Amino acid sequence: MAIGVFGVTGGEALAGVVGPLIEVPVLVALAYVALTLRSRYPGARHVAPSAPDLHEVTR
């Protein structure tokens, strides 16, 4: 759509096409790194505590 609006030579069209082509693989790689490194931290296997009950907080 950016090519149709801004033309082939527009910088916006280039950013709209190249941006996702770079962003998606980088985010997938960061997810793999995070999954790999989670075994190095002792608290990584614990589930985050749930939010406190509102009735208990107001009492």
C-alpha atoms as a PDB file:
ATOM      1  CA  MET A   1       0.000   0.000   0.000  1.00  0.00           C
ATOM      2  CA  ALA A   2       2.874   2.366   0.732  1.00  0.00           C
ATOM      3  CA  ILE A   3       4.142   1.966  -2.824  1.00  0.00           C
ATOM      4  CA  GLY A   4       0.758   2.951  -4.178  1.00  0.00           C
ATOM      5  CA  VAL A   5       0.523   6.007  -1.940  1.00  0.00           C
ATOM      6  CA  PHE A   6       4.101   7.313  -1.993  1.00  0.00           C
ATOM      7  CA  GLY A   7       5.450   5.824  -5.234  1.00  0.00           C
ATOM      8  CA  VAL A   8       8.270   3.388  -5.878  1.00  0.00           C
ATOM      9  CA  THR A   9      11.000   5.918  -5.128  1.00  0.00           C
ATOM     10  CA  GLY A  10       9.542   7.063  -1.807  1.00  0.00           C
ATOM     11  CA  GLY A  11      11.440   6.368   1.384  1.00  0.00           C
ATOM     12  CA  GLU A  12       8.216   5.430   3.109  1.00  0.00           C
ATOM     13  CA  ALA A  13       7.671   2.606   0.626  1.00  0.00           C
ATOM     14  CA  LEU A  14      11.185   1.333   1.224  1.00  0.00           C
ATOM     15  CA  ALA A  15      10.701   1.450   4.991  1.00  0.00           C
ATOM     16  CA  GLY A  16       7.342  -0.305   4.704  1.00  0.00           C
ATOM     17  CA  VAL A  17       8.866  -3.199   2.776  1.00  0.00           C
ATOM     18  CA  VAL A  18      12.339  -3.552   4.263  1.00  0.00           C
ATOM     19  CA  GLY A  19      11.319  -2.833   7.870  1.00  0.00           C
ATOM     20  CA  PRO A  20       9.271  -6.011   8.389  1.00  0.00           C
ATOM     21  CA  LEU A  21      11.835  -8.083   6.484  1.00  0.00           C
ATOM     22  CA  ILE A  22      14.436  -7.107   9.085  1.00  0.00           C
ATOM     23  CA  GLU A  23      12.226  -6.741  12.153  1.00  0.00           C
ATOM     24  CA  VAL A  24      10.555 -10.151  12.098  1.00  0.00           C
ATOM     25  CA  PRO A  25      13.727 -12.295  11.920  1.00  0.00           C
ATOM     26  CA  VAL A  26      15.392 -10.161  14.597  1.00  0.00           C
ATOM     27  CA  LEU A  27      12.446 -10.592  16.979  1.00  0.00           C
ATOM     28  CA  VAL A  28      12.318 -14.340  16.325  1.00  0.00           C
ATOM     29  CA  ALA A  29      16.059 -14.581  17.031  1.00  0.00           C
ATOM     30  CA  LEU A  30      15.606 -12.637  20.289  1.00  0.00           C
ATOM     31  CA  ALA A  31      12.851 -15.047  21.314  1.00  0.00           C
ATOM     32  CA  TYR A  32      15.169 -18.019  20.722  1.00  0.00           C
ATOM     33  CA  VAL A  33      17.923 -16.323  22.725  1.00  0.00           C
ATOM     34  CA  ALA A  34      15.532 -15.663  25.602  1.00  0.00           C
ATOM     35  CA  LEU A  35      14.333 -19.272  25.587  1.00  0.00           C
ATOM     36  CA  THR A  36      17.912 -20.523  25.538  1.00  0.00           C
ATOM     37  CA  LEU A  37      19.078 -18.273  28.375  1.00  0.00           C
ATOM     38  CA  ARG A  38      16.128 -18.914  30.695  1.00  0.00           C
ATOM     39  CA  SER A  39      17.743 -22.097  32.030  1.00  0.00           C
ATOM     40  CA  ARG A  40      20.657 -20.036  33.393  1.00  0.00           C
ATOM     41  CA  TYR A  41      18.489 -18.118  35.850  1.00  0.00           C
ATOM     42  CA  PRO A  42      17.196 -19.940  38.938  1.00  0.00           C
ATOM     43  CA  GLY A  43      13.837 -18.144  39.137  1.00  0.00           C
ATOM     44  CA  ALA A  44      12.990 -18.667  35.503  1.00  0.00           C
ATOM     45  CA  ARG A  45      10.820 -21.737  36.099  1.00  0.00           C
ATOM     46  CA  HIS A  46       8.509 -20.021  38.550  1.00  0.00           C
ATOM     47  CA  VAL A  47       5.253 -18.537  37.399  1.00  0.00           C
ATOM     48  CA  ALA A  48       4.742 -14.860  38.137  1.00  0.00           C
ATOM     49  CA  PRO A  49       2.489 -14.245  41.138  1.00  0.00           C
ATOM     50  CA  SER A  50      -1.068 -13.312  40.367  1.00  0.00           C
ATOM     51  CA  ALA A  51      -2.478  -9.888  41.104  1.00  0.00           C
ATOM     52  CA  PRO A  52      -3.824  -9.402  44.651  1.00  0.00           C
ATOM     53  CA  ASP A  53      -7.536  -9.636  45.219  1.00  0.00           C
ATOM     54  CA  LEU A  54      -9.096  -6.168  45.260  1.00  0.00           C
ATOM     55  CA  HIS A  55     -11.199  -7.005  48.305  1.00  0.00           C
ATOM     56  CA  GLU A  56      -8.088  -7.860  50.316  1.00  0.00           C
ATOM     57  CA  VAL A  57      -6.323  -4.651  49.297  1.00  0.00           C
ATOM     58  CA  THR A  58      -9.174  -2.330  50.364  1.00  0.00           C
ATOM     59  CA  ARG A  59      -9.615  -3.891  53.817  1.00  0.00           C
END
